[in-house]
Amino acid sequence: MNNRLKVLRAERNWSQAELADKLGVSRQTVNALETGRYDPSLPLAFKIARVFAQPIESIFSDGE
């Protein structure tokens, strides 16, 4: 799964730790999401979408 997390985070000048705090996850989880080593659960994907005020589909894609 591809995502735009790193770009969205950079646009807001947030560190991985700051985003992790907003999401209630570890910084390592944010890093794993950004590098594609981890796909978020559906509840986490919704939380990410809320934090960035964007639809899930504009943040995540299936890579096709």
N, C-alpha and C. Protein backbone atom coordinates (compact mmCIF):
# COMPACT_ATOMS: atom_id res chain seq x y z
N MET A 1 0.84 -1.18 0.00
CA MET A 1 0.00 0.00 0.00
C MET A 1 0.89 1.24 0.00
N ASN A 2 0.59 2.16 -0.86
CA ASN A 2 1.32 3.43 -0.92
C ASN A 2 0.59 4.48 -0.09
N ASN A 3 1.34 5.46 0.39
CA ASN A 3 0.70 6.53 1.14
C ASN A 3 1.47 7.83 0.97
N ARG A 4 0.83 8.92 1.36
CA ARG A 4 1.41 10.25 1.26
C ARG A 4 1.74 10.83 2.64
N LEU A 5 1.90 9.98 3.63
CA LEU A 5 2.10 10.46 5.00
C LEU A 5 3.31 11.37 5.14
N LYS A 6 4.43 10.97 4.58
CA LYS A 6 5.65 11.76 4.73
C LYS A 6 5.47 13.15 4.14
N VAL A 7 4.84 13.23 2.98
CA VAL A 7 4.60 14.52 2.31
C VAL A 7 3.65 15.38 3.15
N LEU A 8 2.56 14.78 3.60
CA LEU A 8 1.57 15.53 4.39
C LEU A 8 2.18 16.01 5.70
N ARG A 9 2.98 15.17 6.32
CA ARG A 9 3.64 15.53 7.57
C ARG A 9 4.63 16.68 7.34
N ALA A 10 5.40 16.60 6.26
CA ALA A 10 6.39 17.64 5.94
C ALA A 10 5.71 18.98 5.63
N GLU A 11 4.56 18.93 4.97
CA GLU A 11 3.83 20.17 4.66
C GLU A 11 3.44 20.92 5.93
N ARG A 12 3.27 20.19 7.01
CA ARG A 12 2.87 20.79 8.28
C ARG A 12 4.06 21.00 9.23
N ASN A 13 5.25 20.64 8.76
CA ASN A 13 6.46 20.74 9.58
C ASN A 13 6.35 19.97 10.89
N TRP A 14 5.73 18.79 10.82
CA TRP A 14 5.61 17.92 11.99
C TRP A 14 6.72 16.88 11.95
N SER A 15 7.27 16.57 13.08
CA SER A 15 8.21 15.46 13.17
C SER A 15 7.41 14.16 13.22
N GLN A 16 8.10 13.05 13.04
CA GLN A 16 7.42 11.76 13.19
C GLN A 16 6.86 11.62 14.59
N ALA A 17 7.60 12.11 15.58
CA ALA A 17 7.15 12.02 16.98
C ALA A 17 5.88 12.85 17.20
N GLU A 18 5.81 14.03 16.58
CA GLU A 18 4.61 14.86 16.73
C GLU A 18 3.40 14.18 16.11
N LEU A 19 3.57 13.62 14.92
CA LEU A 19 2.45 12.92 14.29
C LEU A 19 2.06 11.70 15.13
N ALA A 20 3.04 10.98 15.61
CA ALA A 20 2.76 9.81 16.45
C ALA A 20 1.93 10.20 17.67
N ASP A 21 2.28 11.32 18.29
CA ASP A 21 1.54 11.80 19.46
C ASP A 21 0.09 12.12 19.10
N LYS A 22 -0.12 12.74 17.95
CA LYS A 22 -1.48 13.09 17.51
C LYS A 22 -2.31 11.83 17.23
N LEU A 23 -1.62 10.76 16.79
CA LEU A 23 -2.31 9.52 16.43
C LEU A 23 -2.41 8.53 17.59
N GLY A 24 -1.63 8.76 18.63
CA GLY A 24 -1.61 7.83 19.75
C GLY A 24 -0.87 6.55 19.44
N VAL A 25 0.18 6.66 18.62
CA VAL A 25 1.01 5.51 18.27
C VAL A 25 2.48 5.88 18.52
N SER A 26 3.37 4.94 18.34
CA SER A 26 4.79 5.22 18.53
C SER A 26 5.39 5.88 17.29
N ARG A 27 6.54 6.54 17.48
CA ARG A 27 7.24 7.13 16.35
C ARG A 27 7.67 6.04 15.38
N GLN A 28 8.00 4.86 15.91
CA GLN A 28 8.40 3.75 15.06
C GLN A 28 7.25 3.31 14.15
N THR A 29 6.03 3.39 14.65
CA THR A 29 4.87 3.04 13.83
C THR A 29 4.73 4.03 12.68
N VAL A 30 4.90 5.31 12.96
CA VAL A 30 4.82 6.32 11.90
C VAL A 30 5.91 6.06 10.86
N ASN A 31 7.11 5.76 11.32
CA ASN A 31 8.20 5.45 10.39
C ASN A 31 7.87 4.24 9.54
N ALA A 32 7.34 3.19 10.15
CA ALA A 32 6.98 1.98 9.40
C ALA A 32 5.87 2.26 8.38
N LEU A 33 4.92 3.11 8.74
CA LEU A 33 3.87 3.50 7.80
C LEU A 33 4.45 4.26 6.62
N GLU A 34 5.31 5.23 6.91
CA GLU A 34 5.88 6.06 5.85
C GLU A 34 6.76 5.27 4.89
N THR A 35 7.45 4.26 5.39
CA THR A 35 8.34 3.48 4.54
C THR A 35 7.66 2.27 3.91
N GLY A 36 6.36 2.09 4.20
CA GLY A 36 5.61 1.00 3.59
C GLY A 36 5.84 -0.37 4.21
N ARG A 37 6.48 -0.40 5.38
CA ARG A 37 6.70 -1.68 6.06
C ARG A 37 5.48 -2.12 6.87
N TYR A 38 4.51 -1.24 7.02
CA TYR A 38 3.33 -1.52 7.84
C TYR A 38 2.13 -0.87 7.21
N ASP A 39 1.05 -1.63 7.07
CA ASP A 39 -0.22 -1.08 6.59
C ASP A 39 -1.10 -0.82 7.81
N PRO A 40 -1.73 0.35 7.88
CA PRO A 40 -2.51 0.68 9.07
C PRO A 40 -3.79 -0.14 9.16
N SER A 41 -4.25 -0.31 10.38
CA SER A 41 -5.57 -0.89 10.60
C SER A 41 -6.60 0.12 10.09
N LEU A 42 -7.80 -0.32 9.90
CA LEU A 42 -8.85 0.59 9.43
C LEU A 42 -9.09 1.73 10.44
N PRO A 43 -9.18 1.44 11.75
CA PRO A 43 -9.34 2.55 12.69
C PRO A 43 -8.18 3.55 12.64
N LEU A 44 -6.95 3.07 12.49
CA LEU A 44 -5.81 3.98 12.40
C LEU A 44 -5.87 4.78 11.11
N ALA A 45 -6.26 4.17 10.01
CA ALA A 45 -6.39 4.89 8.74
C ALA A 45 -7.42 6.01 8.87
N PHE A 46 -8.52 5.76 9.54
CA PHE A 46 -9.53 6.81 9.76
C PHE A 46 -8.98 7.92 10.63
N LYS A 47 -8.21 7.56 11.66
CA LYS A 47 -7.61 8.56 12.54
C LYS A 47 -6.63 9.43 11.77
N ILE A 48 -5.83 8.81 10.92
CA ILE A 48 -4.88 9.56 10.09
C ILE A 48 -5.63 10.53 9.18
N ALA A 49 -6.70 10.05 8.57
CA ALA A 49 -7.50 10.91 7.69
C ALA A 49 -8.07 12.10 8.45
N ARG A 50 -8.52 11.87 9.69
CA ARG A 50 -9.06 12.97 10.50
C ARG A 50 -7.97 13.98 10.84
N VAL A 51 -6.78 13.50 11.22
CA VAL A 51 -5.68 14.40 11.60
C VAL A 51 -5.31 15.31 10.43
N PHE A 52 -5.32 14.76 9.22
CA PHE A 52 -4.95 15.55 8.04
C PHE A 52 -6.17 16.19 7.36
N ALA A 53 -7.37 15.94 7.88
CA ALA A 53 -8.61 16.49 7.32
C ALA A 53 -8.73 16.21 5.83
N GLN A 54 -8.46 14.95 5.47
CA GLN A 54 -8.56 14.51 4.09
C GLN A 54 -9.20 13.14 4.05
N PRO A 55 -9.83 12.79 2.91
CA PRO A 55 -10.38 11.45 2.78
C PRO A 55 -9.27 10.40 2.76
N ILE A 56 -9.56 9.24 3.25
CA ILE A 56 -8.59 8.14 3.28
C ILE A 56 -8.00 7.92 1.88
N GLU A 57 -8.84 7.99 0.85
CA GLU A 57 -8.40 7.70 -0.51
C GLU A 57 -7.35 8.70 -1.01
N SER A 58 -7.31 9.90 -0.43
CA SER A 58 -6.30 10.87 -0.86
C SER A 58 -4.97 10.67 -0.14
N ILE A 59 -4.96 9.83 0.89
CA ILE A 59 -3.74 9.55 1.65
C ILE A 59 -3.16 8.19 1.27
N PHE A 60 -4.04 7.20 1.11
CA PHE A 60 -3.60 5.83 0.85
C PHE A 60 -4.07 5.36 -0.53
N SER A 61 -3.25 4.58 -1.18
CA SER A 61 -3.63 3.93 -2.44
C SER A 61 -3.10 2.51 -2.43
N ASP A 62 -3.70 1.66 -3.24
CA ASP A 62 -3.32 0.25 -3.23
C ASP A 62 -2.10 -0.04 -4.10
N GLY A 63 -1.52 0.95 -4.72
CA GLY A 63 -0.31 0.76 -5.49
C GLY A 63 -0.53 0.31 -6.92
N GLU A 64 -1.77 0.20 -7.33
CA GLU A 64 -2.06 -0.22 -8.71
C GLU A 64 -2.21 0.98 -9.62
